[in-house]
Protein backbone atom coordinates (compact mmCIF):
# COMPACT_ATOMS: atom_id res chain seq x y z
CA MET A 1 -18.22 -9.03 12.35
CA VAL A 2 -16.79 -6.94 9.50
CA ASN A 3 -19.52 -6.17 7.04
CA ARG A 4 -18.24 -4.34 3.96
CA MET A 5 -21.66 -4.04 2.44
CA ALA A 6 -23.07 -2.23 5.42
CA ARG A 7 -20.49 0.56 5.64
CA SER A 8 -22.06 4.04 5.41
CA ARG A 9 -18.82 5.96 4.76
CA CYS A 10 -17.79 6.93 1.27
CA PHE A 11 -14.10 6.16 1.13
CA PHE A 12 -13.26 8.21 -1.99
CA LEU A 13 -15.42 11.12 -0.87
CA ALA A 14 -13.44 11.24 2.38
CA LEU A 15 -10.11 11.32 0.62
CA LEU A 16 -11.31 14.01 -1.80
CA ILE A 17 -12.48 16.46 0.91
CA PHE A 18 -10.20 16.04 3.90
CA LEU A 19 -8.40 19.39 3.77
CA PRO A 20 -6.33 20.63 6.73
CA GLN A 21 -6.31 24.37 7.11
CA LEU A 22 -3.11 25.92 5.84
CA ASP A 23 -1.77 29.03 7.49
CA ARG A 24 -2.62 31.93 5.05
CA ALA A 25 0.90 33.12 5.16
CA GLN A 26 2.07 29.83 3.58
CA GLN A 27 -0.51 29.44 0.87
CA SER A 28 0.56 29.89 -2.72
CA SER A 29 -1.59 31.61 -5.37
CA ALA A 30 0.06 29.77 -8.25
CA PRO A 31 -2.42 27.48 -9.86
CA PRO A 32 -1.26 23.89 -10.60
CA THR A 33 -0.44 23.11 -14.22
CA PRO A 34 -1.31 19.57 -15.28
CA SER A 35 1.66 17.59 -16.58
CA GLN A 36 1.47 15.79 -19.93
CA PRO A 37 0.22 12.12 -19.80
CA VAL A 38 2.42 9.33 -21.07
CA GLN A 39 1.81 8.51 -24.71
CA THR A 40 1.95 5.06 -26.15
CA THR A 41 3.81 4.43 -29.39
CA PRO A 42 1.91 3.64 -32.66
CA SER A 43 3.69 0.34 -33.07
CA GLN A 44 2.06 -1.15 -30.04
CA GLN A 45 -0.45 -3.96 -30.75
CA PRO A 46 -3.62 -4.65 -28.87
CA GLY A 47 -2.71 -6.67 -25.75
CA ASP A 48 0.74 -5.10 -25.33
CA PRO A 49 1.50 -3.45 -21.92
CA VAL A 50 0.58 0.25 -22.02
CA LEU A 51 -0.07 3.04 -19.51
CA VAL A 52 -3.65 4.32 -19.45
CA ASP A 53 -5.61 6.72 -17.27
CA ARG A 54 -6.49 4.93 -14.10
CA PRO A 55 -10.12 3.74 -14.01
CA PRO A 56 -12.75 5.27 -11.70
CA PRO A 57 -13.48 3.32 -8.56
CA ARG A 58 -15.54 0.21 -9.17
CA PRO A 59 -18.71 -0.77 -7.23
CA ILE A 60 -18.30 -2.60 -3.97
CA ARG A 61 -17.87 -6.27 -4.70
CA PRO A 62 -20.18 -8.96 -3.30
CA PRO A 63 -18.90 -11.05 -0.48
CA SER A 64 -16.03 -13.37 -1.48
CA ALA A 65 -16.82 -17.04 -2.00
CA VAL A 66 -13.26 -17.92 -0.95
CA THR A 67 -13.10 -15.82 2.24
CA PRO A 68 -16.46 -15.83 3.97
CA GLU A 69 -17.85 -12.31 4.85
CA GLY A 70 -16.40 -11.13 8.07
CA ARG A 71 -13.55 -13.53 8.27
CA ILE A 72 -10.02 -12.03 8.80
CA HIS A 73 -7.58 -13.32 6.28
CA LEU A 74 -3.79 -12.99 7.09
CA ASP A 75 -0.81 -13.62 4.87
CA VAL A 76 2.18 -14.37 7.29
CA LEU A 77 5.80 -14.36 6.46
CA VAL A 78 8.28 -16.08 8.89
CA SER A 79 12.00 -15.71 8.66
CA ASP A 80 14.98 -16.81 10.69
CA SER A 81 17.87 -14.65 12.05
CA ALA A 82 19.54 -14.65 8.64
CA GLY A 83 16.33 -13.44 6.96
CA LYS A 84 15.64 -16.69 5.21
CA PRO A 85 12.02 -18.03 5.01
CA VAL A 86 11.05 -20.52 7.61
CA LEU A 87 9.06 -23.31 5.88
CA GLU A 88 7.21 -26.45 7.10
CA LEU A 89 5.54 -24.89 10.18
CA GLN A 90 2.24 -26.50 11.17
CA PRO A 91 -1.06 -24.95 12.28
CA PHE A 92 -0.31 -25.78 15.95
CA ASP A 93 2.82 -23.75 15.65
CA PHE A 94 0.74 -20.54 15.30
CA LYS A 95 -1.15 -18.64 17.91
CA ILE A 96 -3.35 -15.69 16.84
CA LEU A 97 -3.75 -12.92 19.47
CA ASP A 98 -6.56 -10.39 18.80
CA ASN A 99 -6.42 -7.66 21.42
CA ASN A 100 -4.30 -10.18 23.44
CA GLN A 101 -7.11 -12.73 23.25
CA PRO A 102 -6.57 -16.00 21.42
CA ARG A 103 -8.53 -16.62 18.36
CA LYS A 104 -9.42 -20.01 16.81
CA LEU A 105 -7.53 -20.72 13.61
CA LEU A 106 -10.21 -21.62 10.88
CA SER A 107 -7.91 -22.17 7.88
CA PHE A 108 -4.22 -22.68 7.26
CA ARG A 109 -2.20 -23.10 4.08
CA SER A 110 1.50 -23.16 3.53
CA PHE A 111 3.24 -22.03 0.40
CA ASP A 112 6.96 -22.67 -0.39
CA GLY A 113 7.04 -21.40 -4.01
CA VAL A 114 8.40 -24.77 -5.29
CA ALA A 115 6.16 -27.72 -4.42
CA VAL A 116 3.24 -25.54 -3.35
CA LYS A 117 2.82 -22.33 -5.28
CA PRO A 118 0.01 -19.72 -4.79
CA ASN A 119 -2.71 -19.77 -7.38
CA PRO A 120 -3.18 -17.20 -8.78
CA PRO A 121 0.49 -16.23 -8.70
CA VAL A 122 1.52 -13.38 -6.46
CA GLU A 123 1.31 -10.11 -8.43
CA VAL A 124 3.90 -7.38 -8.19
CA ILE A 125 2.63 -3.79 -8.56
CA LEU A 126 5.43 -1.23 -9.20
CA VAL A 127 4.34 2.25 -8.56
CA PHE A 128 6.88 4.79 -10.01
CA ASP A 129 6.27 7.88 -7.98
CA THR A 130 7.50 10.93 -9.88
CA VAL A 131 5.50 13.31 -7.78
CA ASN A 132 7.58 13.03 -4.65
CA LEU A 133 10.94 12.47 -6.42
CA PRO A 134 13.44 15.28 -6.88
CA PHE A 135 13.55 16.14 -10.65
CA GLN A 136 17.14 14.93 -10.91
CA GLN A 137 16.24 11.50 -9.54
CA VAL A 138 13.49 10.58 -12.09
CA ALA A 139 15.74 9.53 -14.90
CA PHE A 140 18.09 7.50 -12.49
CA THR A 141 15.05 5.80 -10.94
CA ARG A 142 13.65 4.92 -14.44
CA GLN A 143 17.01 3.26 -15.34
CA GLU A 144 16.97 1.26 -12.18
CA ILE A 145 13.39 0.04 -12.82
CA ALA A 146 14.52 -0.88 -16.44
CA LYS A 147 17.49 -2.74 -14.93
CA PHE A 148 15.17 -4.96 -12.93
CA LEU A 149 12.84 -5.61 -15.84
CA ARG A 150 15.64 -6.70 -18.17
CA GLN A 151 16.98 -9.27 -15.75
CA ASN A 152 16.95 -12.93 -16.92
CA GLU A 153 16.57 -11.62 -20.63
CA GLY A 154 13.24 -10.02 -19.59
CA HIS A 155 11.58 -13.15 -18.25
CA LEU A 156 10.11 -12.04 -15.00
CA ALA A 157 9.50 -14.46 -12.17
CA GLN A 158 6.23 -12.80 -11.08
CA PRO A 159 3.49 -11.06 -13.10
CA VAL A 160 4.37 -7.35 -12.82
CA SER A 161 1.92 -4.25 -13.24
CA LEU A 162 3.57 -0.88 -13.77
CA MET A 163 1.88 2.28 -12.53
CA LEU A 164 3.06 5.88 -13.00
CA LEU A 165 2.19 8.55 -10.51
CA THR A 166 2.58 12.17 -11.84
CA ASP A 167 1.08 15.57 -10.91
CA ALA A 168 -1.75 14.77 -13.28
CA GLY A 169 -2.72 11.49 -11.36
CA LEU A 170 -2.17 7.91 -11.79
CA ARG A 171 -1.53 5.94 -15.05
CA ILE A 172 -1.69 2.19 -15.02
CA GLN A 173 -0.84 -0.84 -17.13
CA PRO A 174 -4.23 -2.60 -17.24
CA ARG A 175 -2.98 -6.17 -17.12
CA PRO A 176 0.04 -7.67 -15.38
CA SER A 177 2.80 -9.11 -17.59
CA VAL A 178 5.76 -11.41 -17.25
CA ASP A 179 7.42 -9.84 -20.32
CA GLY A 180 10.00 -7.43 -18.83
CA ASN A 181 11.15 -6.21 -22.26
CA ALA A 182 7.65 -5.15 -23.19
CA LEU A 183 7.36 -3.28 -19.87
CA VAL A 184 10.73 -1.54 -20.59
CA ALA A 185 9.34 -0.30 -23.82
CA VAL A 186 6.50 1.32 -21.83
CA LEU A 187 8.92 2.62 -19.21
CA ASP A 188 11.11 4.29 -21.87
CA GLN A 189 8.36 6.65 -22.62
CA ILE A 190 8.44 8.09 -19.14
CA LYS A 191 10.59 11.22 -19.28
CA GLY A 192 11.48 13.67 -16.52
CA GLY A 193 9.39 16.78 -16.73
CA VAL A 194 8.83 19.93 -14.64
CA HIS A 195 6.55 19.42 -11.77
CA SER A 196 3.46 21.43 -11.42
CA ILE A 197 3.77 20.83 -7.69
CA TYR A 198 7.27 21.98 -6.76
CA SER A 199 9.33 22.63 -3.67
CA ALA A 200 9.10 26.46 -3.87
CA MET A 201 5.37 26.08 -3.13
CA GLY A 202 6.33 25.33 0.42
CA ALA A 203 3.59 23.92 2.70
CA ASP A 204 0.89 24.33 0.02
CA GLY A 205 2.95 21.94 -2.27
CA ASP A 206 3.40 19.52 0.55
CA LEU A 207 -0.32 19.36 1.07
CA GLN A 208 -1.02 18.87 -2.66
CA ARG A 209 1.55 15.97 -2.80
CA PHE A 210 0.13 14.40 0.34
CA GLN A 211 -3.53 14.53 -0.94
CA LEU A 212 -2.67 13.39 -4.49
CA SER A 213 -0.46 10.46 -3.31
CA LEU A 214 -2.94 9.14 -0.80
CA ARG A 215 -5.87 9.47 -3.15
CA GLU A 216 -4.11 7.31 -5.78
CA MET A 217 -2.85 4.83 -3.13
CA ALA A 218 -6.57 4.48 -2.29
CA VAL A 219 -7.54 3.90 -5.95
CA VAL A 220 -4.98 1.07 -6.15
CA ALA A 221 -6.25 -0.55 -2.93
CA GLU A 222 -9.89 -0.26 -3.90
CA ASN A 223 -9.31 -1.80 -7.30
CA GLU A 224 -6.92 -4.58 -6.07
CA ALA A 225 -9.66 -5.56 -3.55
CA LEU A 226 -11.64 -6.75 -6.50
CA ARG A 227 -8.95 -9.09 -7.67
CA PRO A 228 -8.12 -12.53 -6.11
CA GLY A 229 -4.69 -13.40 -4.81
CA ARG A 230 -1.86 -11.78 -2.87
CA LYS A 231 -0.02 -8.70 -4.15
CA LEU A 232 3.23 -6.86 -3.38
CA LEU A 233 2.81 -3.11 -3.87
CA ILE A 234 6.36 -1.77 -4.34
CA TRP A 235 6.27 2.00 -4.06
CA VAL A 236 9.37 3.37 -5.89
CA GLY A 237 10.13 6.71 -4.30
CA PRO A 238 10.63 8.30 -0.85
CA GLY A 239 6.98 8.80 -0.19
CA TRP A 240 4.79 11.85 0.48
CA PRO A 241 5.27 14.55 3.13
CA MET A 242 3.97 13.73 6.70
CA LEU A 243 2.67 17.48 7.08
CA ASN A 244 4.17 17.57 10.55
CA SER A 245 5.23 21.31 10.38
CA ASN A 246 3.53 24.25 12.12
CA SER A 247 2.17 25.42 8.85
CA PHE A 248 -0.98 23.27 9.30
CA ARG A 249 -3.93 23.66 11.57
CA PHE A 250 -6.25 20.70 12.05
CA SER A 251 -9.81 20.94 13.13
CA ASP A 252 -11.95 18.23 14.67
CA LYS A 253 -13.57 17.69 11.18
CA ASP A 254 -10.11 17.23 9.69
CA GLN A 255 -9.29 14.59 12.36
CA ARG A 256 -12.51 12.72 11.58
CA HIS A 257 -11.64 12.66 7.87
CA TYR A 258 -8.20 11.38 8.70
CA PHE A 259 -9.65 8.67 10.89
CA ASP A 260 -12.11 7.65 8.17
CA THR A 261 -9.27 7.40 5.62
CA ILE A 262 -7.08 5.44 8.05
CA VAL A 263 -9.90 2.93 8.61
CA GLU A 264 -10.81 2.57 5.00
CA LEU A 265 -7.35 2.44 3.53
CA SER A 266 -6.22 -0.11 6.12
CA THR A 267 -9.24 -2.21 5.54
CA LYS A 268 -8.94 -2.21 1.70
CA LEU A 269 -5.27 -3.05 1.76
CA ARG A 270 -6.00 -5.96 4.13
CA GLU A 271 -8.97 -7.12 2.05
CA ALA A 272 -7.03 -6.91 -1.20
CA ARG A 273 -4.21 -8.98 0.38
CA VAL A 274 -1.70 -6.16 -0.43
CA ALA A 275 1.66 -5.81 1.41
CA VAL A 276 3.12 -2.38 0.67
CA TYR A 277 6.90 -2.07 0.26
CA SER A 278 8.98 1.17 0.05
CA VAL A 279 12.19 1.35 -1.97
CA SER A 280 14.15 4.53 -2.72
CA SER A 281 17.43 5.97 -3.72
CA THR A 282 16.76 9.25 -1.92
CA ASN A 283 15.12 10.44 1.29
CA ILE A 284 13.17 13.70 1.34
CA GLN A 285 13.36 14.02 5.13
CA ASN A 286 17.18 13.54 5.42
CA ASP A 287 17.72 16.07 8.12
CA GLY A 288 18.76 13.81 10.99
CA LEU A 289 16.15 12.22 13.09
CA ASN A 290 13.24 13.46 11.00
CA ARG A 291 13.71 10.55 8.59
CA PHE A 292 12.64 8.20 11.47
CA MET A 293 9.67 10.28 12.58
CA TYR A 294 7.28 7.68 11.08
CA LYS A 295 8.09 5.39 14.00
CA ASP A 296 6.03 7.50 16.29
CA PHE A 297 2.88 6.56 14.34
CA LEU A 298 3.09 2.80 14.05
CA LYS A 299 0.51 2.00 16.66
CA GLY A 300 -3.09 1.44 15.58
CA VAL A 301 -5.41 4.49 15.73
CA PRO A 302 -8.48 3.64 18.02
CA SER A 303 -10.42 6.90 17.47
CA ALA A 304 -10.62 10.14 15.58
CA LEU A 305 -9.11 11.94 18.57
CA LYS A 306 -5.86 9.99 17.97
CA ALA A 307 -5.72 10.43 14.19
CA ASP A 308 -2.86 12.39 12.68
CA THR A 309 -1.44 12.85 9.17
CA GLY A 310 1.61 10.79 10.46
CA ASN A 311 -0.72 7.72 10.57
CA LEU A 312 -0.95 7.93 6.86
CA ALA A 313 2.75 8.08 6.08
CA LEU A 314 4.03 5.66 3.51
CA LYS A 315 6.42 3.87 5.80
CA VAL A 316 3.67 3.48 8.39
CA LEU A 317 1.45 1.77 5.77
CA VAL A 318 4.36 -0.47 4.81
CA LEU A 319 5.02 -1.75 8.31
CA GLN A 320 1.29 -2.10 9.24
CA SER A 321 0.62 -4.17 6.14
CA GLY A 322 3.45 -6.67 6.64
CA GLY A 323 5.87 -5.21 4.04
CA ARG A 324 9.41 -3.79 4.36
CA ILE A 325 11.28 -0.47 4.03
CA LEU A 326 14.43 -0.67 1.89
CA GLY A 327 17.05 1.97 1.12
CA PRO A 328 17.77 4.67 0.49
CA ASP A 329 20.63 3.61 -1.63
CA ASN A 330 21.49 3.66 -5.34
CA ASN A 331 20.76 -0.07 -6.08
CA LEU A 332 17.06 0.17 -6.63
CA ALA A 333 16.92 -2.91 -8.78
CA GLU A 334 18.38 -5.00 -5.99
CA GLN A 335 15.90 -3.44 -3.46
CA ILE A 336 13.07 -4.49 -5.79
CA ASN A 337 14.53 -7.99 -6.09
CA SER A 338 14.65 -8.12 -2.32
CA CYS A 339 10.95 -7.31 -2.03
CA ILE A 340 9.99 -9.92 -4.60
CA ALA A 341 11.99 -12.54 -2.63
CA ASP A 342 8.95 -12.37 -0.25
CA ALA A 343 6.44 -13.38 -2.96
CA ASN A 344 6.03 -17.10 -2.69
CA ALA A 345 7.06 -18.48 0.68
CA PHE A 346 4.29 -17.59 3.22
CA TYR A 347 1.54 -18.84 5.32
CA SER A 348 -2.18 -18.10 4.78
CA LEU A 349 -4.34 -18.04 7.94
CA SER A 350 -7.91 -16.91 8.82
CA PHE A 351 -10.14 -16.49 11.84
CA ASP A 352 -13.43 -15.07 12.82
CA PRO A 353 -13.30 -11.72 14.66
CA PRO A 354 -15.49 -11.27 17.89
CA HIS A 355 -18.63 -9.17 17.93
CA ALA A 356 -17.90 -5.42 17.74
CA GLU A 357 -19.37 -3.15 20.24
CA HIS A 358 -19.22 -0.16 17.92
CA ALA A 359 -18.24 0.87 14.45
CA ASP A 360 -14.57 1.21 13.50
CA GLU A 361 -13.46 -0.79 16.57
CA TYR A 362 -9.77 -1.21 16.40
CA HIS A 363 -8.12 -4.57 17.10
CA ASP A 364 -4.44 -5.18 17.52
CA LEU A 365 -3.04 -8.34 15.98
CA LYS A 366 -0.13 -10.44 17.00
CA ILE A 367 1.10 -13.80 15.80
CA GLU A 368 3.10 -15.87 18.30
CA LEU A 369 5.05 -19.01 17.24
CA ALA A 370 6.05 -22.07 19.23
CA GLN A 371 9.53 -21.81 17.95
CA PRO A 372 11.40 -18.86 19.45
CA GLY A 373 13.79 -16.41 17.68
CA LEU A 374 11.84 -16.06 14.41
CA THR A 375 10.68 -12.87 12.78
CA ILE A 376 6.97 -12.54 11.75
CA ARG A 377 5.47 -10.02 9.36
CA THR A 378 1.74 -9.64 8.75
CA THR A 379 -1.04 -7.15 9.17
CA SER A 380 -0.71 -5.54 12.49
CA GLY A 381 -4.33 -4.76 13.08
CA TYR A 382 -7.82 -4.38 11.66
CA TYR A 383 -11.07 -2.39 12.24
CA ASN A 384 -14.03 -4.48 13.35
CA GLN A 385 -17.64 -3.58 12.56
CA PRO A 386 -20.97 -4.56 14.20
CA PRO A 387 -23.42 -6.53 12.11
CA PRO A 388 -26.00 -4.61 10.19
CA ALA A 389 -29.18 -3.69 11.98
CA SER A 390 -31.22 -6.00 9.75
CA VAL A 391 -29.50 -9.04 11.15
CA ILE A 392 -29.48 -8.07 14.81
CA THR A 393 -31.91 -10.24 16.66
CA LYS A 394 -33.50 -8.95 20.03
């Protein structure tokens, strides 16, 4: 049984302290300079969308009254060969395999977005990542996000939250909004600026961008786990470095921290019902096959001995959470629209996991369908936990 309340690990502490050793020849002595935060305009009224400093992590929530403690909840998207959603499947069409063992389906709901809509509505979270974007791409990316927000005269089909990642950290819009024009007014305040983490810093800069990006991704996952409903987290940008160069030396302690982060981030994204999407107009790793290196890290990580920085790559998190990778191309607005097309037509399933023999026991998940030739996207695995000692009976 997964028991969130009994976990002894401190997720955010792990994220703050995992520090791979950098070869001294690659280290930079230049201290980082914080970038200026986005300011709001005096004309904004209370309740208008604004960007504010992200809140600190909240306390762990009590067990959900909707999804019983320990139950594994899956949002499953099914599409045909043309990419269109397949609706009207029944519970008997689905077979859940947990480490290749069938599990009993405990709950089933089908949403088509028309006759049956999710409640609360699926929220879209747009993370505008200026940390990992080349300077010359920031203005173009902002224009494309604005193009998306202005569609349909600014009437958005889904509630949208805007988040901005800069060298200084994450700024967020506290409440989702369906008013695209109001969000554009906030977006217009975002200007391209000189990075305090820049390419000339080499491996040291890569390390800083890696740590900052993952730390703020973790903040989003932690806070969204407190909110009901399904979410699409659309990361606008090419993602952070994979730290796969020879400039880094990883100790056993580093690997343990990476494993802790993999377990907790995977768990929080699943509990928060977040599917991560990647959209981009550029690719940092554009030197041949390196852009596909993430594919070597898609399998679940069963132990700290197998943990690697590549297991925390953005595109790995995307595919393991049931999302999609789009781009790179110059039509970012259309990429975002393609992601949002996944919002309302899906299936909601749940099952009880088996007894775990040890902490952080990795389980591979697969969904099989009676109808062949269909594509399935959902969470690809989970980490199971034994029950707390207080409830173990001899």
